[in-house]
Structure formats: structure tokens, C-alpha cells
Amino acid sequence: MAQKRQIYVTEFDLQRLQDHLDNLDVKTRKQFQSLDHELSRAKVVDSAKVPASVVTMNSRLAYRDLEEDTVSEITLVFPDQADLDQGKMSVFSPIGTALLGYAVGDVIEWTVPAGTRKLKIEDLLYQPEAAGDLNL
């Protein structure tokens, strides 16, 4: 699982994520226990007060896989918007769940189907809240 640093989620994102989770059947929801856990421990903040360095929904960021020394740029999106060919990663994916709520410079150790990965958030290229897009 991830490091136990404080993570942040906006009230708006939390409500939308909970709505997505609540619409899943019990068996499917069990697959997303990691996301449920991360949301339960996150500090919930108003969209206007989330730190500008924190990954929120619809943020575009660059992260480094520290084992492979590769950098990927993605936009963190809801499952229905996910399209890896366009760089849109679902928050319901293991890496998407790992990135949500962490900040630039954070190193995250997270279990994915292929094993444990160490990721470092290198840059936040766009955060809706910092850009004034509070309801994306």
C-alpha cells in the first residue's frame, strides 16, 4: 500500500468518487477497497483550499516509476473517461488510486498486479482547482 503521508481530496471529488463506488455491486466494489481506504483516510478540503501541488481529479501530472526510471504523463479521470491512448488514467486503476491526493515530490510505494511499484510525482502540469476550474 501507499506511504502513510497525509493525502487530500476535495469535497467535490469525494462526493463524485463515493457516488461511483456506491453504484457498484458488492462484488465489484470489493475490487476497489484500496480506493475506499484512501478516501477514508484523506483530509477533505474545500476545492478553493486544496494545495496547488496536490493531485486532484482531472489533474495532469508527470510521475516517475523509480524502478524502471521512466516518466509518464497522465490525466487522472473517472472510469468512464479513461483512455490510456490519450493519456487518461482511471482513478480506479491501481496507479490512479495511488496518485490521488499526493503532492509533487511525494514518493509512493503501491501494490499493483505486477508487484510493488515506487512512484514519484515529478510535476503537476495542470490542477483544475489551481486553474480556477472548481467543478470539473
C-alpha atoms as a PDB file:
ATOM      1  CA  MET A   1       0.000   0.000   0.000  1.00  0.00           C
ATOM      2  CA  ALA A   2       0.962   3.633  -0.079  1.00  0.00           C
ATOM      3  CA  GLN A   3       3.025   5.558   2.406  1.00  0.00           C
ATOM      4  CA  LYS A   4       1.032   6.970   5.288  1.00  0.00           C
ATOM      5  CA  ARG A   5       1.566  10.629   4.442  1.00  0.00           C
ATOM      6  CA  GLN A   6      -1.410  12.928   4.658  1.00  0.00           C
ATOM      7  CA  ILE A   7      -3.344  12.939   1.431  1.00  0.00           C
ATOM      8  CA  TYR A   8      -6.017  15.398   0.369  1.00  0.00           C
ATOM      9  CA  VAL A   9      -9.272  15.094  -1.513  1.00  0.00           C
ATOM     10  CA  THR A  10     -11.685  17.888  -2.321  1.00  0.00           C
ATOM     11  CA  GLU A  11     -15.264  17.698  -1.056  1.00  0.00           C
ATOM     12  CA  PHE A  12     -16.438  17.783  -4.677  1.00  0.00           C
ATOM     13  CA  ASP A  13     -14.156  14.920  -5.775  1.00  0.00           C
ATOM     14  CA  LEU A  14     -15.020  12.859  -2.686  1.00  0.00           C
ATOM     15  CA  GLN A  15     -18.731  13.102  -3.401  1.00  0.00           C
ATOM     16  CA  ARG A  16     -18.292  12.100  -7.042  1.00  0.00           C
ATOM     17  CA  LEU A  17     -15.967   9.213  -6.176  1.00  0.00           C
ATOM     18  CA  GLN A  18     -18.329   7.959  -3.470  1.00  0.00           C
ATOM     19  CA  ASP A  19     -21.213   8.139  -5.977  1.00  0.00           C
ATOM     20  CA  HIS A  20     -19.193   5.986  -8.415  1.00  0.00           C
ATOM     21  CA  LEU A  21     -18.343   3.478  -5.677  1.00  0.00           C
ATOM     22  CA  ASP A  22     -21.926   3.385  -4.381  1.00  0.00           C
ATOM     23  CA  ASN A  23     -23.179   2.445  -7.843  1.00  0.00           C
ATOM     24  CA  LEU A  24     -21.048  -0.713  -7.935  1.00  0.00           C
ATOM     25  CA  ASP A  25     -22.378  -4.077  -6.847  1.00  0.00           C
ATOM     26  CA  VAL A  26     -20.834  -5.546  -3.684  1.00  0.00           C
ATOM     27  CA  LYS A  27     -18.525  -7.947  -5.517  1.00  0.00           C
ATOM     28  CA  THR A  28     -17.165  -5.243  -7.834  1.00  0.00           C
ATOM     29  CA  ARG A  29     -16.809  -2.727  -5.002  1.00  0.00           C
ATOM     30  CA  LYS A  30     -14.527  -5.178  -3.144  1.00  0.00           C
ATOM     31  CA  GLN A  31     -12.046  -4.817  -6.023  1.00  0.00           C
ATOM     32  CA  PHE A  32     -11.729  -1.143  -5.142  1.00  0.00           C
ATOM     33  CA  GLN A  33     -11.025  -1.460  -1.421  1.00  0.00           C
ATOM     34  CA  SER A  34      -7.746   0.434  -1.886  1.00  0.00           C
ATOM     35  CA  LEU A  35      -9.589   3.478  -3.214  1.00  0.00           C
ATOM     36  CA  ASP A  36     -12.172   3.204  -0.436  1.00  0.00           C
ATOM     37  CA  HIS A  37      -9.363   3.048   2.136  1.00  0.00           C
ATOM     38  CA  GLU A  38      -7.511   6.032   0.682  1.00  0.00           C
ATOM     39  CA  LEU A  39     -10.698   8.117   0.660  1.00  0.00           C
ATOM     40  CA  SER A  40     -11.438   7.206   4.283  1.00  0.00           C
ATOM     41  CA  ARG A  41      -8.049   8.464   5.463  1.00  0.00           C
ATOM     42  CA  ALA A  42      -7.835  11.565   3.272  1.00  0.00           C
ATOM     43  CA  LYS A  43      -8.138  15.067   4.634  1.00  0.00           C
ATOM     44  CA  VAL A  44     -11.242  16.501   2.976  1.00  0.00           C
ATOM     45  CA  VAL A  45     -10.827  20.126   1.906  1.00  0.00           C
ATOM     46  CA  ASP A  46     -12.842  22.734   0.064  1.00  0.00           C
ATOM     47  CA  SER A  47     -11.913  22.925  -3.634  1.00  0.00           C
ATOM     48  CA  ALA A  48     -10.725  26.508  -3.222  1.00  0.00           C
ATOM     49  CA  LYS A  49      -8.369  25.493  -0.390  1.00  0.00           C
ATOM     50  CA  VAL A  50      -6.658  22.385  -1.769  1.00  0.00           C
ATOM     51  CA  PRO A  51      -2.882  22.931  -2.033  1.00  0.00           C
ATOM     52  CA  ALA A  52      -1.863  23.682  -5.644  1.00  0.00           C
ATOM     53  CA  SER A  53       0.722  20.866  -5.579  1.00  0.00           C
ATOM     54  CA  VAL A  54      -1.822  18.095  -4.803  1.00  0.00           C
ATOM     55  CA  VAL A  55      -3.129  15.658  -7.425  1.00  0.00           C
ATOM     56  CA  THR A  56      -6.912  16.002  -7.690  1.00  0.00           C
ATOM     57  CA  MET A  57      -9.365  14.583 -10.191  1.00  0.00           C
ATOM     58  CA  ASN A  58      -8.722  15.818 -13.740  1.00  0.00           C
ATOM     59  CA  SER A  59      -5.168  16.843 -12.832  1.00  0.00           C
ATOM     60  CA  ARG A  60      -2.481  16.380 -15.468  1.00  0.00           C
ATOM     61  CA  LEU A  61       0.783  15.197 -13.980  1.00  0.00           C
ATOM     62  CA  ALA A  62       4.123  13.602 -14.656  1.00  0.00           C
ATOM     63  CA  TYR A  63       5.235  10.726 -12.458  1.00  0.00           C
ATOM     64  CA  ARG A  64       8.400   8.627 -12.468  1.00  0.00           C
ATOM     65  CA  ASP A  65       8.478   4.877 -11.997  1.00  0.00           C
ATOM     66  CA  LEU A  66      11.594   4.680  -9.824  1.00  0.00           C
ATOM     67  CA  GLU A  67      12.349   1.028 -10.645  1.00  0.00           C
ATOM     68  CA  GLU A  68      12.171   1.469 -14.403  1.00  0.00           C
ATOM     69  CA  ASP A  69      13.327   5.111 -14.364  1.00  0.00           C
ATOM     70  CA  THR A  70      10.570   6.078 -16.794  1.00  0.00           C
ATOM     71  CA  VAL A  71       8.382   9.172 -16.726  1.00  0.00           C
ATOM     72  CA  SER A  72       4.723   9.074 -17.704  1.00  0.00           C
ATOM     73  CA  GLU A  73       2.312  11.962 -18.197  1.00  0.00           C
ATOM     74  CA  ILE A  74      -1.322  11.250 -17.452  1.00  0.00           C
ATOM     75  CA  THR A  75      -4.586  12.978 -16.649  1.00  0.00           C
ATOM     76  CA  LEU A  76      -6.374  11.386 -13.683  1.00  0.00           C
ATOM     77  CA  VAL A  77     -10.000  10.799 -14.664  1.00  0.00           C
ATOM     78  CA  PHE A  78     -13.163   8.940 -13.718  1.00  0.00           C
ATOM     79  CA  PRO A  79     -13.544   5.416 -15.155  1.00  0.00           C
ATOM     80  CA  ASP A  80     -15.933   6.411 -17.942  1.00  0.00           C
ATOM     81  CA  GLN A  81     -13.375   8.922 -19.285  1.00  0.00           C
ATOM     82  CA  ALA A  82     -10.338   6.622 -19.126  1.00  0.00           C
ATOM     83  CA  ASP A  83      -8.376   6.175 -22.354  1.00  0.00           C
ATOM     84  CA  LEU A  84      -4.689   5.348 -21.937  1.00  0.00           C
ATOM     85  CA  ASP A  85      -4.039   6.046 -25.638  1.00  0.00           C
ATOM     86  CA  GLN A  86      -4.991   9.657 -24.860  1.00  0.00           C
ATOM     87  CA  GLY A  87      -3.099   9.668 -21.551  1.00  0.00           C
ATOM     88  CA  LYS A  88      -6.266   9.482 -19.435  1.00  0.00           C
ATOM     89  CA  MET A  89      -5.866   7.112 -16.484  1.00  0.00           C
ATOM     90  CA  SER A  90      -8.792   5.980 -14.316  1.00  0.00           C
ATOM     91  CA  VAL A  91      -8.640   6.760 -10.630  1.00  0.00           C
ATOM     92  CA  PHE A  92      -9.993   3.209 -10.213  1.00  0.00           C
ATOM     93  CA  SER A  93      -6.768   1.751 -11.649  1.00  0.00           C
ATOM     94  CA  PRO A  94      -4.102   0.777  -9.094  1.00  0.00           C
ATOM     95  CA  ILE A  95      -1.721   3.574 -10.134  1.00  0.00           C
ATOM     96  CA  GLY A  96      -4.575   6.095 -10.406  1.00  0.00           C
ATOM     97  CA  THR A  97      -5.649   5.272  -6.856  1.00  0.00           C
ATOM     98  CA  ALA A  98      -2.040   5.587  -5.691  1.00  0.00           C
ATOM     99  CA  LEU A  99      -1.602   9.074  -7.164  1.00  0.00           C
ATOM    100  CA  LEU A 100      -4.818  10.694  -5.926  1.00  0.00           C
ATOM    101  CA  GLY A 101      -4.262  13.122  -3.077  1.00  0.00           C
ATOM    102  CA  TYR A 102      -0.466  13.079  -3.070  1.00  0.00           C
ATOM    103  CA  ALA A 103       1.693  16.091  -3.939  1.00  0.00           C
ATOM    104  CA  VAL A 104       4.625  16.963  -6.166  1.00  0.00           C
ATOM    105  CA  GLY A 105       7.781  15.398  -4.756  1.00  0.00           C
ATOM    106  CA  ASP A 106       5.980  12.603  -2.903  1.00  0.00           C
ATOM    107  CA  VAL A 107       7.295   9.064  -3.354  1.00  0.00           C
ATOM    108  CA  ILE A 108       4.577   6.431  -3.202  1.00  0.00           C
ATOM    109  CA  GLU A 109       5.048   2.699  -2.777  1.00  0.00           C
ATOM    110  CA  TRP A 110       1.986   0.893  -4.109  1.00  0.00           C
ATOM    111  CA  THR A 111       0.959  -2.667  -4.894  1.00  0.00           C
ATOM    112  CA  VAL A 112      -0.203  -3.241  -8.478  1.00  0.00           C
ATOM    113  CA  PRO A 113      -0.977  -6.551 -10.233  1.00  0.00           C
ATOM    114  CA  ALA A 114       2.664  -6.811 -11.410  1.00  0.00           C
ATOM    115  CA  GLY A 115       4.057  -6.290  -7.894  1.00  0.00           C
ATOM    116  CA  THR A 116       5.059  -3.294  -5.800  1.00  0.00           C
ATOM    117  CA  ARG A 117       5.913  -0.053  -7.609  1.00  0.00           C
ATOM    118  CA  LYS A 118       7.663   3.045  -6.343  1.00  0.00           C
ATOM    119  CA  LEU A 119       6.352   6.192  -7.979  1.00  0.00           C
ATOM    120  CA  LYS A 120       7.443   9.783  -7.587  1.00  0.00           C
ATOM    121  CA  ILE A 121       5.209  12.663  -8.569  1.00  0.00           C
ATOM    122  CA  GLU A 122       7.561  14.813 -10.638  1.00  0.00           C
ATOM    123  CA  ASP A 123       5.324  17.669 -11.771  1.00  0.00           C
ATOM    124  CA  LEU A 124       1.737  18.829 -11.696  1.00  0.00           C
ATOM    125  CA  LEU A 125       1.128  20.252 -15.146  1.00  0.00           C
ATOM    126  CA  TYR A 126      -2.494  21.209 -14.505  1.00  0.00           C
ATOM    127  CA  GLN A 127      -4.719  21.100 -11.448  1.00  0.00           C
ATOM    128  CA  PRO A 128      -8.321  22.231 -12.029  1.00  0.00           C
ATOM    129  CA  GLU A 129      -8.637  23.910  -8.639  1.00  0.00           C
ATOM    130  CA  ALA A 130      -5.425  25.926  -9.051  1.00  0.00           C
ATOM    131  CA  ALA A 131      -6.602  26.976 -12.517  1.00  0.00           C
ATOM    132  CA  GLY A 132      -9.949  28.135 -11.101  1.00  0.00           C
ATOM    133  CA  ASP A 133     -11.869  25.252 -12.706  1.00  0.00           C
ATOM    134  CA  LEU A 134     -13.508  24.203  -9.442  1.00  0.00           C
ATOM    135  CA  ASN A 135     -16.273  21.985 -10.834  1.00  0.00           C
ATOM    136  CA  LEU A 136     -14.601  19.807 -13.457  1.00  0.00           C
END
